[in-house]
Amino acid sequence: MTDEVCSAVTSALKSNPSHLRELNLSRNQINTGVNHLCDVLKDSHCKLERLKLSDCQMTDEVCSAVTSALKSNPSHLRELELSWNKLGDSGVKHLSDLLMNTQCKLEKLDLCRCSITEKQCLILTSALKSNPSHLRELDLTWNKLGDSGVKNLSDLLMNTQCKLEKLDLCRCSITEKQCLILTSALKSNPSHLRELNLSGIK
């Protein structure tokens, strides 16, 4: 879809948002239609459970607008896919606010190739630590965790409320030392994890 078509579709959704449960706009340009999409996401009648926006060529501003909109109506969303988009500092901040919200029941979060820096990863993993009980799948493939991100992620994994079943850290430039910290954390709370991808370790 072009920006114009996407804008028309999201505008139409605004008029009847209550029944939609899954929206997949992946690999479409949504920059022009983002205001309509945000209006849908913010609408209290919206009960969207799965939102997929992979590879939508979103700018930092668009990512920020979408994640900010999700903050205002967080209780129904279960899956969020933002892979192959650059979140930027403001997008990461709004997403972290969403993850910290006790009303947020997100179960699956895909942030593959989101150009997340170590500082941004620290913010995100800190947010996940504060509301750990619902998340089941986390994909941070091809992002830079850094020592601080790995430390917070390890704290999350050690939390007895953490029920994470699938963790993908492929190509995250994880060092041997960081891998030791992660695996030690998993040893302390091993009962839920079913899949772990650490391929591409330095």
C-alpha atoms as a PDB file:
ATOM      1  CA  MET A   1       0.000   0.000   0.000  1.00  0.00           C
ATOM      2  CA  THR A   2       1.045   3.547  -0.650  1.00  0.00           C
ATOM      3  CA  ASP A   3       0.875   6.154   2.080  1.00  0.00           C
ATOM      4  CA  GLU A   4      -2.386   7.408   0.581  1.00  0.00           C
ATOM      5  CA  VAL A   5      -4.067   3.992   0.528  1.00  0.00           C
ATOM      6  CA  CYS A   6      -2.890   3.241   4.062  1.00  0.00           C
ATOM      7  CA  SER A   7      -4.292   6.575   5.177  1.00  0.00           C
ATOM      8  CA  ALA A   8      -7.674   5.715   3.625  1.00  0.00           C
ATOM      9  CA  VAL A   9      -7.739   2.283   5.312  1.00  0.00           C
ATOM     10  CA  THR A  10      -6.833   3.577   8.766  1.00  0.00           C
ATOM     11  CA  SER A  11      -9.326   6.412   8.365  1.00  0.00           C
ATOM     12  CA  ALA A  12     -12.072   3.862   7.660  1.00  0.00           C
ATOM     13  CA  LEU A  13     -11.094   1.840  10.732  1.00  0.00           C
ATOM     14  CA  LYS A  14     -11.699   4.894  12.919  1.00  0.00           C
ATOM     15  CA  SER A  15     -15.423   4.736  12.193  1.00  0.00           C
ATOM     16  CA  ASN A  16     -15.882   1.215  13.609  1.00  0.00           C
ATOM     17  CA  PRO A  17     -12.955   0.146  15.824  1.00  0.00           C
ATOM     18  CA  SER A  18     -14.628  -2.081  18.397  1.00  0.00           C
ATOM     19  CA  HIS A  19     -14.566  -5.457  16.606  1.00  0.00           C
ATOM     20  CA  LEU A  20     -11.029  -5.424  15.182  1.00  0.00           C
ATOM     21  CA  ARG A  21      -8.712  -7.868  16.963  1.00  0.00           C
ATOM     22  CA  GLU A  22      -5.720  -8.122  14.609  1.00  0.00           C
ATOM     23  CA  LEU A  23      -4.183  -5.495  12.331  1.00  0.00           C
ATOM     24  CA  ASN A  24      -1.260  -6.325  10.079  1.00  0.00           C
ATOM     25  CA  LEU A  25       0.200  -3.408   8.107  1.00  0.00           C
ATOM     26  CA  SER A  26       3.679  -4.892   7.780  1.00  0.00           C
ATOM     27  CA  ARG A  27       5.783  -3.854   4.773  1.00  0.00           C
ATOM     28  CA  ASN A  28       3.532  -0.898   4.011  1.00  0.00           C
ATOM     29  CA  GLN A  29       4.257   2.800   4.282  1.00  0.00           C
ATOM     30  CA  ILE A  30       2.123   4.191   7.085  1.00  0.00           C
ATOM     31  CA  ASN A  31       3.727   7.586   7.601  1.00  0.00           C
ATOM     32  CA  THR A  32       0.845   9.569   6.099  1.00  0.00           C
ATOM     33  CA  GLY A  33      -1.834   7.411   7.709  1.00  0.00           C
ATOM     34  CA  VAL A  34      -0.261   7.330  11.139  1.00  0.00           C
ATOM     35  CA  ASN A  35      -2.601   9.954  12.626  1.00  0.00           C
ATOM     36  CA  HIS A  36      -5.645   7.891  11.682  1.00  0.00           C
ATOM     37  CA  LEU A  37      -3.983   4.749  13.041  1.00  0.00           C
ATOM     38  CA  CYS A  38      -3.175   6.484  16.309  1.00  0.00           C
ATOM     39  CA  ASP A  39      -6.777   7.676  16.618  1.00  0.00           C
ATOM     40  CA  VAL A  40      -7.898   4.050  16.323  1.00  0.00           C
ATOM     41  CA  LEU A  41      -5.380   2.847  18.911  1.00  0.00           C
ATOM     42  CA  LYS A  42      -6.345   5.565  21.388  1.00  0.00           C
ATOM     43  CA  ASP A  43     -10.091   4.975  21.037  1.00  0.00           C
ATOM     44  CA  SER A  44     -11.450   3.385  24.224  1.00  0.00           C
ATOM     45  CA  HIS A  45     -13.681   1.184  22.036  1.00  0.00           C
ATOM     46  CA  CYS A  46     -10.636  -0.342  20.351  1.00  0.00           C
ATOM     47  CA  LYS A  47     -10.016  -3.906  21.546  1.00  0.00           C
ATOM     48  CA  LEU A  48      -7.057  -4.655  19.280  1.00  0.00           C
ATOM     49  CA  GLU A  49      -5.042  -7.663  20.475  1.00  0.00           C
ATOM     50  CA  ARG A  50      -2.390  -8.058  17.756  1.00  0.00           C
ATOM     51  CA  LEU A  51      -0.644  -5.190  15.963  1.00  0.00           C
ATOM     52  CA  LYS A  52       1.980  -5.938  13.337  1.00  0.00           C
ATOM     53  CA  LEU A  53       3.973  -3.058  11.842  1.00  0.00           C
ATOM     54  CA  SER A  54       7.112  -4.841  10.681  1.00  0.00           C
ATOM     55  CA  ASP A  55       9.272  -3.072   8.077  1.00  0.00           C
ATOM     56  CA  CYS A  56       6.934  -0.101   7.627  1.00  0.00           C
ATOM     57  CA  GLN A  57       9.759   2.382   7.029  1.00  0.00           C
ATOM     58  CA  MET A  58       8.563   4.327  10.044  1.00  0.00           C
ATOM     59  CA  THR A  59      10.498   7.412  11.029  1.00  0.00           C
ATOM     60  CA  ASP A  60      11.426   8.126  14.644  1.00  0.00           C
ATOM     61  CA  GLU A  61       8.465  10.516  14.834  1.00  0.00           C
ATOM     62  CA  VAL A  62       6.006   7.917  13.529  1.00  0.00           C
ATOM     63  CA  CYS A  63       7.291   5.254  15.929  1.00  0.00           C
ATOM     64  CA  SER A  64       6.925   7.731  18.748  1.00  0.00           C
ATOM     65  CA  ALA A  65       3.351   8.563  17.724  1.00  0.00           C
ATOM     66  CA  VAL A  66       2.326   4.884  17.537  1.00  0.00           C
ATOM     67  CA  THR A  67       3.897   3.866  20.857  1.00  0.00           C
ATOM     68  CA  SER A  68       2.470   6.973  22.514  1.00  0.00           C
ATOM     69  CA  ALA A  69      -1.008   6.072  21.252  1.00  0.00           C
ATOM     70  CA  LEU A  70      -0.697   2.529  22.593  1.00  0.00           C
ATOM     71  CA  LYS A  71       0.047   3.932  26.049  1.00  0.00           C
ATOM     72  CA  SER A  72      -3.421   5.455  26.295  1.00  0.00           C
ATOM     73  CA  ASN A  73      -5.293   2.166  25.743  1.00  0.00           C
ATOM     74  CA  PRO A  74      -2.981  -0.642  26.900  1.00  0.00           C
ATOM     75  CA  SER A  75      -5.152  -3.352  28.402  1.00  0.00           C
ATOM     76  CA  HIS A  76      -6.172  -5.387  25.323  1.00  0.00           C
ATOM     77  CA  LEU A  77      -2.932  -5.613  23.321  1.00  0.00           C
ATOM     78  CA  ARG A  78      -1.274  -9.034  23.462  1.00  0.00           C
ATOM     79  CA  GLU A  79       1.158  -8.985  20.518  1.00  0.00           C
ATOM     80  CA  LEU A  80       3.216  -6.081  19.192  1.00  0.00           C
ATOM     81  CA  GLU A  81       5.564  -6.377  16.235  1.00  0.00           C
ATOM     82  CA  LEU A  82       7.767  -3.378  15.416  1.00  0.00           C
ATOM     83  CA  SER A  83      10.680  -5.204  13.794  1.00  0.00           C
ATOM     84  CA  TRP A  84      12.787  -3.521  11.098  1.00  0.00           C
ATOM     85  CA  ASN A  85      11.804  -0.013  12.197  1.00  0.00           C
ATOM     86  CA  LYS A  86      13.979   2.543  13.956  1.00  0.00           C
ATOM     87  CA  LEU A  87      12.242   3.386  17.228  1.00  0.00           C
ATOM     88  CA  GLY A  88      14.460   6.292  18.245  1.00  0.00           C
ATOM     89  CA  ASP A  89      14.755   7.684  21.778  1.00  0.00           C
ATOM     90  CA  SER A  90      11.176   8.956  21.972  1.00  0.00           C
ATOM     91  CA  GLY A  91       9.711   5.728  20.592  1.00  0.00           C
ATOM     92  CA  VAL A  92      11.668   3.685  23.134  1.00  0.00           C
ATOM     93  CA  LYS A  93      10.514   6.014  25.924  1.00  0.00           C
ATOM     94  CA  HIS A  94       6.819   5.661  25.032  1.00  0.00           C
ATOM     95  CA  LEU A  95       7.155   1.908  24.524  1.00  0.00           C
ATOM     96  CA  SER A  96       8.817   1.597  27.926  1.00  0.00           C
ATOM     97  CA  ASP A  97       6.003   3.583  29.541  1.00  0.00           C
ATOM     98  CA  LEU A  98       3.539   1.144  27.966  1.00  0.00           C
ATOM     99  CA  LEU A  99       5.473  -1.897  29.240  1.00  0.00           C
ATOM    100  CA  MET A 100       5.602  -0.478  32.784  1.00  0.00           C
ATOM    101  CA  ASN A 101       1.848   0.150  32.887  1.00  0.00           C
ATOM    102  CA  THR A 102       0.234  -2.410  35.178  1.00  0.00           C
ATOM    103  CA  GLN A 103      -2.716  -2.571  32.765  1.00  0.00           C
ATOM    104  CA  CYS A 104      -0.377  -3.766  29.997  1.00  0.00           C
ATOM    105  CA  LYS A 105      -0.800  -7.508  29.393  1.00  0.00           C
ATOM    106  CA  LEU A 106       1.543  -7.794  26.416  1.00  0.00           C
ATOM    107  CA  GLU A 107       2.596 -11.400  25.776  1.00  0.00           C
ATOM    108  CA  LYS A 108       4.688 -11.117  22.598  1.00  0.00           C
ATOM    109  CA  LEU A 109       7.094  -8.293  21.725  1.00  0.00           C
ATOM    110  CA  ASP A 110       9.144  -8.293  18.520  1.00  0.00           C
ATOM    111  CA  LEU A 111      11.862  -5.616  18.287  1.00  0.00           C
ATOM    112  CA  CYS A 112      14.137  -7.358  15.789  1.00  0.00           C
ATOM    113  CA  ARG A 113      16.453  -4.938  13.931  1.00  0.00           C
ATOM    114  CA  CYS A 114      15.072  -1.819  15.577  1.00  0.00           C
ATOM    115  CA  SER A 115      18.507  -0.138  15.813  1.00  0.00           C
ATOM    116  CA  ILE A 116      18.219  -0.189  19.605  1.00  0.00           C
ATOM    117  CA  THR A 117      21.282   1.232  21.329  1.00  0.00           C
ATOM    118  CA  GLU A 118      22.701   0.102  24.663  1.00  0.00           C
ATOM    119  CA  LYS A 119      21.119   3.115  26.390  1.00  0.00           C
ATOM    120  CA  GLN A 120      17.730   2.392  24.827  1.00  0.00           C
ATOM    121  CA  CYS A 121      18.009  -1.296  25.701  1.00  0.00           C
ATOM    122  CA  LEU A 122      18.669  -0.328  29.309  1.00  0.00           C
ATOM    123  CA  ILE A 123      15.433   1.697  29.350  1.00  0.00           C
ATOM    124  CA  LEU A 124      13.400  -1.104  27.741  1.00  0.00           C
ATOM    125  CA  THR A 125      14.707  -3.915  29.931  1.00  0.00           C
ATOM    126  CA  SER A 126      14.211  -1.759  33.045  1.00  0.00           C
ATOM    127  CA  ALA A 127      10.573  -1.341  32.013  1.00  0.00           C
ATOM    128  CA  LEU A 128      10.145  -5.091  31.481  1.00  0.00           C
ATOM    129  CA  LYS A 129      11.566  -5.749  34.946  1.00  0.00           C
ATOM    130  CA  SER A 130       8.816  -3.678  36.541  1.00  0.00           C
ATOM    131  CA  ASN A 131       5.937  -5.619  34.937  1.00  0.00           C
ATOM    132  CA  PRO A 132       7.297  -9.105  34.151  1.00  0.00           C
ATOM    133  CA  SER A 133       4.445 -11.552  34.595  1.00  0.00           C
ATOM    134  CA  HIS A 134       2.672 -11.473  31.211  1.00  0.00           C
ATOM    135  CA  LEU A 135       5.439 -11.524  28.609  1.00  0.00           C
ATOM    136  CA  ARG A 136       5.925 -14.903  26.919  1.00  0.00           C
ATOM    137  CA  GLU A 137       8.023 -14.080  23.826  1.00  0.00           C
ATOM    138  CA  LEU A 138      10.740 -11.449  23.404  1.00  0.00           C
ATOM    139  CA  ASP A 139      12.759 -10.895  20.228  1.00  0.00           C
ATOM    140  CA  LEU A 140      15.714  -8.492  20.451  1.00  0.00           C
ATOM    141  CA  THR A 141      17.594  -9.887  17.443  1.00  0.00           C
ATOM    142  CA  TRP A 142      20.221  -7.605  15.839  1.00  0.00           C
ATOM    143  CA  ASN A 143      20.176  -4.964  18.578  1.00  0.00           C
ATOM    144  CA  LYS A 144      22.949  -3.784  20.858  1.00  0.00           C
ATOM    145  CA  LEU A 145      22.212  -4.864  24.435  1.00  0.00           C
ATOM    146  CA  GLY A 146      25.482  -3.863  26.048  1.00  0.00           C
ATOM    147  CA  ASP A 147      26.477  -4.757  29.605  1.00  0.00           C
ATOM    148  CA  SER A 148      23.664  -2.732  31.190  1.00  0.00           C
ATOM    149  CA  GLY A 149      20.983  -4.246  28.959  1.00  0.00           C
ATOM    150  CA  VAL A 150      22.226  -7.773  29.643  1.00  0.00           C
ATOM    151  CA  LYS A 151      22.280  -7.063  33.401  1.00  0.00           C
ATOM    152  CA  ASN A 152      18.655  -5.853  33.403  1.00  0.00           C
ATOM    153  CA  LEU A 153      17.546  -8.692  31.153  1.00  0.00           C
ATOM    154  CA  SER A 154      19.214 -11.133  33.549  1.00  0.00           C
ATOM    155  CA  ASP A 155      17.369  -9.544  36.479  1.00  0.00           C
ATOM    156  CA  LEU A 156      14.128 -10.054  34.561  1.00  0.00           C
ATOM    157  CA  LEU A 157      14.928 -13.723  33.922  1.00  0.00           C
ATOM    158  CA  MET A 158      15.696 -14.290  37.601  1.00  0.00           C
ATOM    159  CA  ASN A 159      12.381 -12.789  38.716  1.00  0.00           C
ATOM    160  CA  THR A 160      10.078 -15.587  39.834  1.00  0.00           C
ATOM    161  CA  GLN A 161       7.154 -13.717  38.262  1.00  0.00           C
ATOM    162  CA  CYS A 162       8.832 -13.927  34.846  1.00  0.00           C
ATOM    163  CA  LYS A 163       7.086 -16.511  32.642  1.00  0.00           C
ATOM    164  CA  LEU A 164       9.123 -15.919  29.480  1.00  0.00           C
ATOM    165  CA  GLU A 165       9.004 -18.950  27.162  1.00  0.00           C
ATOM    166  CA  LYS A 166      10.894 -17.741  24.083  1.00  0.00           C
ATOM    167  CA  LEU A 167      13.900 -15.399  24.041  1.00  0.00           C
ATOM    168  CA  ASP A 168      15.719 -14.483  20.828  1.00  0.00           C
ATOM    169  CA  LEU A 169      19.053 -12.668  21.157  1.00  0.00           C
ATOM    170  CA  CYS A 170      20.535 -13.669  17.812  1.00  0.00           C
ATOM    171  CA  ARG A 171      23.288 -11.351  16.527  1.00  0.00           C
ATOM    172  CA  CYS A 172      23.198  -9.152  19.622  1.00  0.00           C
ATOM    173  CA  SER A 173      27.016  -9.134  19.910  1.00  0.00           C
ATOM    174  CA  ILE A 174      26.781 -10.859  23.266  1.00  0.00           C
ATOM    175  CA  THR A 175      30.197 -11.462  24.786  1.00  0.00           C
ATOM    176  CA  GLU A 176      31.258 -14.576  26.645  1.00  0.00           C
ATOM    177  CA  LYS A 177      31.002 -12.679  29.938  1.00  0.00           C
ATOM    178  CA  GLN A 178      27.479 -11.495  29.137  1.00  0.00           C
ATOM    179  CA  CYS A 179      26.463 -15.000  28.092  1.00  0.00           C
ATOM    180  CA  LEU A 180      27.638 -16.300  31.458  1.00  0.00           C
ATOM    181  CA  ILE A 181      25.505 -13.700  33.253  1.00  0.00           C
ATOM    182  CA  LEU A 182      22.438 -14.629  31.180  1.00  0.00           C
ATOM    183  CA  THR A 183      22.790 -18.371  31.584  1.00  0.00           C
ATOM    184  CA  SER A 184      23.414 -18.006  35.322  1.00  0.00           C
ATOM    185  CA  ALA A 185      20.173 -16.036  35.573  1.00  0.00           C
ATOM    186  CA  LEU A 186      18.298 -18.740  33.680  1.00  0.00           C
ATOM    187  CA  LYS A 187      19.573 -21.377  36.080  1.00  0.00           C
ATOM    188  CA  SER A 188      17.856 -19.591  38.959  1.00  0.00           C
ATOM    189  CA  ASN A 189      14.418 -19.577  37.277  1.00  0.00           C
ATOM    190  CA  PRO A 190      14.477 -22.372  34.681  1.00  0.00           C
ATOM    191  CA  SER A 191      10.960 -23.744  34.565  1.00  0.00           C
ATOM    192  CA  HIS A 192       9.270 -21.613  31.871  1.00  0.00           C
ATOM    193  CA  LEU A 193      11.803 -20.977  29.089  1.00  0.00           C
ATOM    194  CA  ARG A 194      11.296 -23.240  26.071  1.00  0.00           C
ATOM    195  CA  GLU A 195      13.373 -21.530  23.348  1.00  0.00           C
ATOM    196  CA  LEU A 196      16.623 -19.578  23.605  1.00  0.00           C
ATOM    197  CA  ASN A 197      18.562 -18.235  20.625  1.00  0.00           C
ATOM    198  CA  LEU A 198      22.059 -16.920  21.346  1.00  0.00           C
ATOM    199  CA  SER A 199      23.521 -17.498  17.882  1.00  0.00           C
ATOM    200  CA  GLY A 200      26.166 -15.070  16.773  1.00  0.00           C
ATOM    201  CA  ILE A 201      27.882 -14.806  20.152  1.00  0.00           C
ATOM    202  CA  LYS A 202      31.257 -13.086  20.006  1.00  0.00           C
END
